[in-house]
């Protein structure tokens, strides 16, 4: 447990999948662990960074209760403040929690923070917007854009599946130019994804050897002729071995640039944050997070 009382700024997203659950057990476990807790709720993701900037002098650590998009929205403000970041997973996929082995049980997640053990991890950025898991152009961006929040909240991962089937029926390839280490290739693809962590999309693996503190990004591009072949590839995405398919281009680097013929949205950890052209880079060991 903590050696002395520390001040925790607890930011709660009531719109998260589990945002309506009582926060009392979380604050109770944190206080039992020696923390003094101030609770702030937010209605929109940009409020998270503003709250951290506004209140950082009154806190020794920041805790985000929400999904992956909420946690990523806190990242750069937490980096700038120098405050360690705690995660209480209240979203649908909770892939960052899965990567860090943080329990999805809210009280147990609070115990991880109260125990005080931290590790430093990488942060990915795309056009200056942070992501912990993956940022992508194409299929998943279309999914994020078209996913009804009410459907997501009511059905969780099944809601994602319903929306994904609709996106697949309407999918088209697009032309993209990928630049890595000064070398550019042009390709026709259904999706380009750039991963920083290990898990994304509810438990898929970005690349079999990927970790969130390895100092680089992992890119893949889906270049099959028929999007429905993805159904045959699903098992390999769960294990991170999709690069073995000839239709999947992979690369590993610290920076990538992606240009498209027409402006396309970029999805970062489940939220549309910017559009192409997109510059991806990694900030190695940029943030301290509480983890088992």
Protein backbone atom coordinates (compact mmCIF):
# COMPACT_ATOMS: atom_id res chain seq x y z
CA UNK A 1 0.00 0.00 0.00
CA UNK A 2 1.00 3.66 -0.28
CA UNK A 3 3.48 4.87 2.36
CA UNK A 4 1.68 8.21 2.74
CA UNK A 5 -1.57 9.78 1.67
CA UNK A 6 -1.46 10.78 -1.98
CA UNK A 7 -3.99 12.90 -3.85
CA UNK A 8 -5.81 11.12 -6.67
CA UNK A 9 -7.80 12.96 -9.34
CA UNK A 10 -10.49 10.49 -10.43
CA UNK A 11 -12.03 11.32 -13.83
CA UNK A 12 -15.25 9.44 -14.60
CA UNK A 13 -16.98 9.04 -17.98
CA UNK A 14 -20.67 8.41 -17.21
CA UNK A 15 -21.24 7.65 -20.92
CA UNK A 16 -18.83 4.71 -20.94
CA UNK A 17 -20.34 1.23 -21.33
CA UNK A 18 -20.15 0.67 -17.57
CA UNK A 19 -20.25 4.36 -16.66
CA UNK A 20 -23.54 4.02 -14.80
CA UNK A 21 -22.04 1.56 -12.30
CA UNK A 22 -21.57 2.91 -8.79
CA UNK A 23 -18.17 4.50 -8.31
CA UNK A 24 -18.34 4.00 -4.54
CA UNK A 25 -16.50 0.65 -4.48
CA UNK A 26 -13.68 2.19 -6.52
CA UNK A 27 -13.23 5.23 -4.30
CA UNK A 28 -13.58 3.02 -1.22
CA UNK A 29 -10.74 0.74 -2.31
CA UNK A 30 -8.55 3.71 -3.25
CA UNK A 31 -9.14 5.41 0.10
CA UNK A 32 -8.49 2.14 1.93
CA UNK A 33 -5.17 2.07 0.10
CA UNK A 34 -4.18 5.45 1.48
CA UNK A 35 -5.33 7.76 -1.29
CA UNK A 36 -7.28 11.00 -0.93
CA UNK A 37 -9.72 11.01 -3.87
CA UNK A 38 -11.27 13.94 -5.76
CA UNK A 39 -13.94 12.88 -8.28
CA UNK A 40 -14.60 14.84 -11.50
CA UNK A 41 -17.02 13.68 -14.20
CA UNK A 42 -16.73 14.63 -17.87
CA UNK A 43 -19.26 14.55 -20.70
CA UNK A 44 -16.92 14.91 -23.69
CA UNK A 45 -13.43 13.54 -24.28
CA UNK A 46 -11.67 16.94 -24.70
CA UNK A 47 -12.71 17.77 -21.13
CA UNK A 48 -10.34 15.09 -19.80
CA UNK A 49 -7.16 16.88 -20.85
CA UNK A 50 -8.53 20.23 -19.69
CA UNK A 51 -9.35 18.77 -16.27
CA UNK A 52 -5.84 17.36 -15.90
CA UNK A 53 -4.22 20.66 -16.90
CA UNK A 54 -6.56 22.62 -14.60
CA UNK A 55 -6.18 20.36 -11.55
CA UNK A 56 -2.69 18.88 -11.90
CA UNK A 57 -1.25 21.02 -9.07
CA UNK A 58 -3.82 19.50 -6.70
CA UNK A 59 -3.04 15.85 -7.56
CA UNK A 60 -0.23 13.31 -7.29
CA UNK A 61 -1.82 10.90 -9.77
CA UNK A 62 -4.63 10.82 -12.33
CA UNK A 63 -7.14 7.98 -12.66
CA UNK A 64 -9.42 7.61 -15.69
CA UNK A 65 -12.62 5.57 -15.33
CA UNK A 66 -13.71 4.91 -18.90
CA UNK A 67 -12.93 3.09 -22.13
CA UNK A 68 -9.83 3.12 -24.30
CA UNK A 69 -10.80 6.39 -25.99
CA UNK A 70 -11.14 8.12 -22.63
CA UNK A 71 -7.74 6.88 -21.44
CA UNK A 72 -6.05 7.94 -24.68
CA UNK A 73 -7.63 11.39 -24.40
CA UNK A 74 -5.85 11.78 -21.06
CA UNK A 75 -2.46 10.61 -22.31
CA UNK A 76 -0.71 13.73 -23.53
CA UNK A 77 -1.95 15.91 -20.65
CA UNK A 78 -0.74 13.25 -18.21
CA UNK A 79 2.63 13.09 -20.01
CA UNK A 80 2.97 16.89 -19.83
CA UNK A 81 1.95 16.99 -16.17
CA UNK A 82 4.34 14.21 -15.20
CA UNK A 83 1.58 12.54 -13.18
CA UNK A 84 1.27 8.73 -13.21
CA UNK A 85 -1.93 7.39 -14.79
CA UNK A 86 -4.32 4.88 -13.28
CA UNK A 87 -6.89 2.99 -15.37
CA UNK A 88 -10.29 1.70 -14.23
CA UNK A 89 -11.67 -0.06 -17.34
CA UNK A 90 -15.31 0.89 -17.88
CA UNK A 91 -15.50 0.66 -21.69
CA UNK A 92 -16.54 -2.03 -24.16
CA UNK A 93 -13.23 -3.45 -25.40
CA UNK A 94 -10.80 -2.31 -22.65
CA UNK A 95 -7.81 -3.36 -24.75
CA UNK A 96 -5.26 -1.26 -22.88
CA UNK A 97 -6.32 -2.90 -19.62
CA UNK A 98 -5.93 -6.29 -21.32
CA UNK A 99 -2.45 -5.35 -22.55
CA UNK A 100 -1.43 -4.25 -19.04
CA UNK A 101 -3.19 -7.17 -17.25
CA UNK A 102 -5.42 -4.76 -15.33
CA UNK A 103 -8.55 -6.56 -14.03
CA UNK A 104 -11.90 -5.58 -15.56
CA UNK A 105 -13.46 -5.88 -12.10
CA UNK A 106 -13.61 -2.24 -11.00
CA UNK A 107 -12.69 -2.78 -7.35
CA UNK A 108 -9.73 -5.00 -8.26
CA UNK A 109 -8.59 -2.42 -10.82
CA UNK A 110 -8.66 0.15 -8.01
CA UNK A 111 -6.52 -2.17 -5.89
CA UNK A 112 -3.86 -2.18 -8.63
CA UNK A 113 -3.64 1.62 -8.31
CA UNK A 114 -3.68 1.57 -4.50
CA UNK A 115 -0.82 -0.95 -4.49
CA UNK A 116 1.29 1.69 -6.21
CA UNK A 117 3.27 -0.44 -8.67
CA UNK A 118 3.97 1.37 -11.96
CA UNK A 119 5.66 0.79 -15.30
CA UNK A 120 6.62 3.13 -18.13
CA UNK A 121 4.98 2.52 -21.50
CA UNK A 122 5.01 3.99 -25.00
CA UNK A 123 2.43 6.38 -26.41
CA UNK A 124 1.60 6.44 -30.12
CA UNK A 125 0.53 9.66 -31.83
CA UNK A 126 -1.19 10.42 -35.12
CA UNK A 127 -1.18 14.06 -36.22
CA UNK A 128 -0.56 14.96 -32.58
CA UNK A 129 -3.42 12.85 -31.14
CA UNK A 130 -2.45 10.11 -28.69
CA UNK A 131 -3.33 6.42 -28.87
CA UNK A 132 -2.27 3.47 -26.75
CA UNK A 133 -3.59 0.55 -28.82
CA UNK A 134 -4.06 1.21 -32.54
CA UNK A 135 -4.84 3.97 -35.04
CA UNK A 136 -6.29 3.03 -38.40
CA UNK A 137 -7.66 4.18 -41.73
CA UNK A 138 -10.34 2.29 -43.65
CA UNK A 139 -12.61 -0.42 -42.26
CA UNK A 140 -12.27 0.28 -38.55
CA UNK A 141 -12.56 4.04 -39.05
CA UNK A 142 -15.78 3.44 -40.97
CA UNK A 143 -16.91 1.21 -38.11
CA UNK A 144 -16.14 3.88 -35.49
CA UNK A 145 -17.90 6.51 -37.57
CA UNK A 146 -21.02 4.41 -38.09
CA UNK A 147 -21.34 2.79 -34.66
CA UNK A 148 -24.44 4.05 -32.90
CA UNK A 149 -23.43 4.92 -29.29
CA UNK A 150 -26.73 3.50 -28.03
CA UNK A 151 -26.04 0.20 -29.85
CA UNK A 152 -22.52 0.10 -28.40
CA UNK A 153 -23.77 0.82 -24.90
CA UNK A 154 -26.62 -1.70 -25.04
CA UNK A 155 -24.97 -4.63 -26.81
CA UNK A 156 -21.25 -4.13 -26.18
CA UNK A 157 -19.09 -6.34 -28.39
CA UNK A 158 -22.17 -7.76 -30.12
CA UNK A 159 -23.03 -4.21 -31.12
CA UNK A 160 -19.59 -3.95 -32.72
CA UNK A 161 -20.26 -7.17 -34.63
CA UNK A 162 -23.57 -5.88 -36.00
CA UNK A 163 -21.97 -2.64 -37.14
CA UNK A 164 -18.97 -4.49 -38.60
CA UNK A 165 -21.20 -6.66 -40.81
CA UNK A 166 -22.78 -3.50 -42.22
CA UNK A 167 -19.37 -1.90 -42.87
CA UNK A 168 -18.06 -5.05 -44.60
CA UNK A 169 -21.00 -5.05 -47.02
CA UNK A 170 -20.17 -1.51 -48.07
CA UNK A 171 -16.37 -1.79 -48.05
CA UNK A 172 -14.18 -0.57 -50.93
CA UNK A 173 -10.44 -0.53 -51.33
CA UNK A 174 -8.65 2.80 -51.39
CA UNK A 175 -5.27 3.91 -52.76
CA UNK A 176 -2.69 4.84 -50.16
CA UNK A 177 0.97 5.80 -50.11
CA UNK A 178 2.94 4.58 -47.09
CA UNK A 179 6.29 6.20 -46.28
CA UNK A 180 8.74 4.46 -43.97
CA UNK A 181 12.38 5.55 -43.47
CA UNK A 182 12.14 7.78 -46.54
CA UNK A 183 10.91 4.97 -48.80
CA UNK A 184 7.38 5.23 -50.26
CA UNK A 185 5.16 2.47 -51.61
CA UNK A 186 1.72 2.82 -53.19
CA UNK A 187 -0.94 0.21 -52.54
CA UNK A 188 -4.64 -0.55 -52.82
CA UNK A 189 -5.99 -1.58 -49.43
CA UNK A 190 -9.09 -1.99 -47.29
CA UNK A 191 -7.36 -0.88 -44.09
CA UNK A 192 -4.08 0.44 -42.77
CA UNK A 193 -3.59 -0.01 -39.03
CA UNK A 194 -0.69 1.23 -36.92
CA UNK A 195 -0.33 -0.35 -33.50
CA UNK A 196 1.48 0.93 -30.42
CA UNK A 197 0.38 -1.62 -27.82
CA UNK A 198 -0.44 -5.30 -28.08
CA UNK A 199 -4.24 -5.70 -28.03
CA UNK A 200 -6.94 -3.91 -30.01
CA UNK A 201 -10.46 -4.54 -31.28
CA UNK A 202 -11.58 -6.51 -28.24
CA UNK A 203 -8.61 -8.85 -27.96
CA UNK A 204 -6.99 -9.00 -31.39
CA UNK A 205 -3.18 -8.87 -31.34
CA UNK A 206 -1.39 -6.19 -33.35
CA UNK A 207 1.65 -8.40 -34.00
CA UNK A 208 2.74 -11.58 -32.28
CA UNK A 209 5.88 -10.03 -30.74
CA UNK A 210 4.44 -6.55 -30.06
CA UNK A 211 4.52 -4.99 -26.60
CA UNK A 212 3.58 -1.56 -25.33
CA UNK A 213 7.09 -0.69 -24.20
CA UNK A 214 9.17 -1.85 -27.19
CA UNK A 215 9.74 1.65 -28.62
CA UNK A 216 8.24 1.10 -32.06
CA UNK A 217 5.00 0.91 -34.04
CA UNK A 218 3.65 -2.08 -36.00
CA UNK A 219 1.80 -1.42 -39.27
CA UNK A 220 -0.34 -3.74 -41.33
CA UNK A 221 -2.26 -3.17 -44.56
CA UNK A 222 -5.12 -5.41 -45.77
CA UNK A 223 -4.57 -5.84 -49.50
CA UNK A 224 -6.81 -8.80 -50.37
CA UNK A 225 -9.07 -8.60 -53.45
CA UNK A 226 -12.19 -9.68 -51.53
CA UNK A 227 -12.87 -8.19 -48.10
CA UNK A 228 -14.82 -11.30 -47.03
CA UNK A 229 -11.53 -13.24 -46.94
CA UNK A 230 -11.09 -11.55 -43.58
CA UNK A 231 -13.42 -14.20 -42.19
CA UNK A 232 -10.78 -16.84 -42.96
CA UNK A 233 -8.09 -14.72 -41.33
CA UNK A 234 -9.83 -14.04 -38.02
CA UNK A 235 -7.95 -16.66 -36.02
CA UNK A 236 -4.60 -15.23 -37.15
CA UNK A 237 -5.67 -11.74 -36.03
CA UNK A 238 -6.43 -13.09 -32.56
CA UNK A 239 -2.87 -14.44 -32.31
CA UNK A 240 -1.09 -11.63 -34.19
CA UNK A 241 0.11 -13.93 -37.00
CA UNK A 242 -1.89 -12.25 -39.79
CA UNK A 243 1.37 -11.09 -41.38
CA UNK A 244 1.85 -14.67 -42.63
CA UNK A 245 -0.94 -14.10 -45.19
CA UNK A 246 0.38 -12.87 -48.54
CA UNK A 247 -2.42 -10.29 -48.71
CA UNK A 248 -1.29 -8.58 -45.49
CA UNK A 249 1.60 -6.13 -45.72
CA UNK A 250 3.46 -5.56 -42.43
CA UNK A 251 6.16 -3.14 -41.28
CA UNK A 252 7.81 -2.07 -38.04
CA UNK A 253 9.24 1.41 -37.48
CA UNK A 254 9.18 4.43 -35.16
CA UNK A 255 7.41 6.68 -37.70
CA UNK A 256 5.08 6.24 -40.67
CA UNK A 257 3.37 8.64 -43.07
CA UNK A 258 0.18 7.65 -44.90
CA UNK A 259 -1.38 9.67 -47.69
CA UNK A 260 -4.62 8.86 -49.52
CA UNK A 261 -6.09 10.17 -52.77
CA UNK A 262 -9.07 11.60 -50.91
CA UNK A 263 -9.18 12.75 -47.29
CA UNK A 264 -10.08 9.84 -45.01
CA UNK A 265 -10.87 9.72 -41.27
CA UNK A 266 -8.40 8.22 -38.79
CA UNK A 267 -9.69 6.15 -35.88
CA UNK A 268 -7.50 6.15 -32.75
CA UNK A 269 -8.53 3.75 -29.97
CA UNK A 270 -12.16 3.80 -31.10
CA UNK A 271 -12.53 7.53 -31.70
CA UNK A 272 -12.27 9.53 -34.93
CA UNK A 273 -9.57 12.10 -34.09
CA UNK A 274 -8.10 13.36 -37.37
CA UNK A 275 -7.86 12.63 -41.11
CA UNK A 276 -5.28 11.85 -43.78
CA UNK A 277 -2.57 12.73 -44.56
CA UNK A 278 -1.53 11.06 -41.32
CA UNK A 279 1.82 11.14 -39.54
CA UNK A 280 2.30 8.35 -36.99
CA UNK A 281 5.11 8.27 -34.45
CA UNK A 282 5.93 6.64 -31.14
CA UNK A 283 6.92 8.38 -27.90
CA UNK A 284 9.00 5.69 -26.14
CA UNK A 285 8.52 5.17 -22.39
CA UNK A 286 6.54 8.42 -22.33
CA UNK A 287 4.11 7.77 -19.50
CA UNK A 288 4.04 6.03 -16.14
CA UNK A 289 0.97 3.84 -15.55
CA UNK A 290 -0.22 1.73 -12.63
CA UNK A 291 -0.11 -1.96 -13.51
CA UNK A 292 0.04 -5.31 -11.69
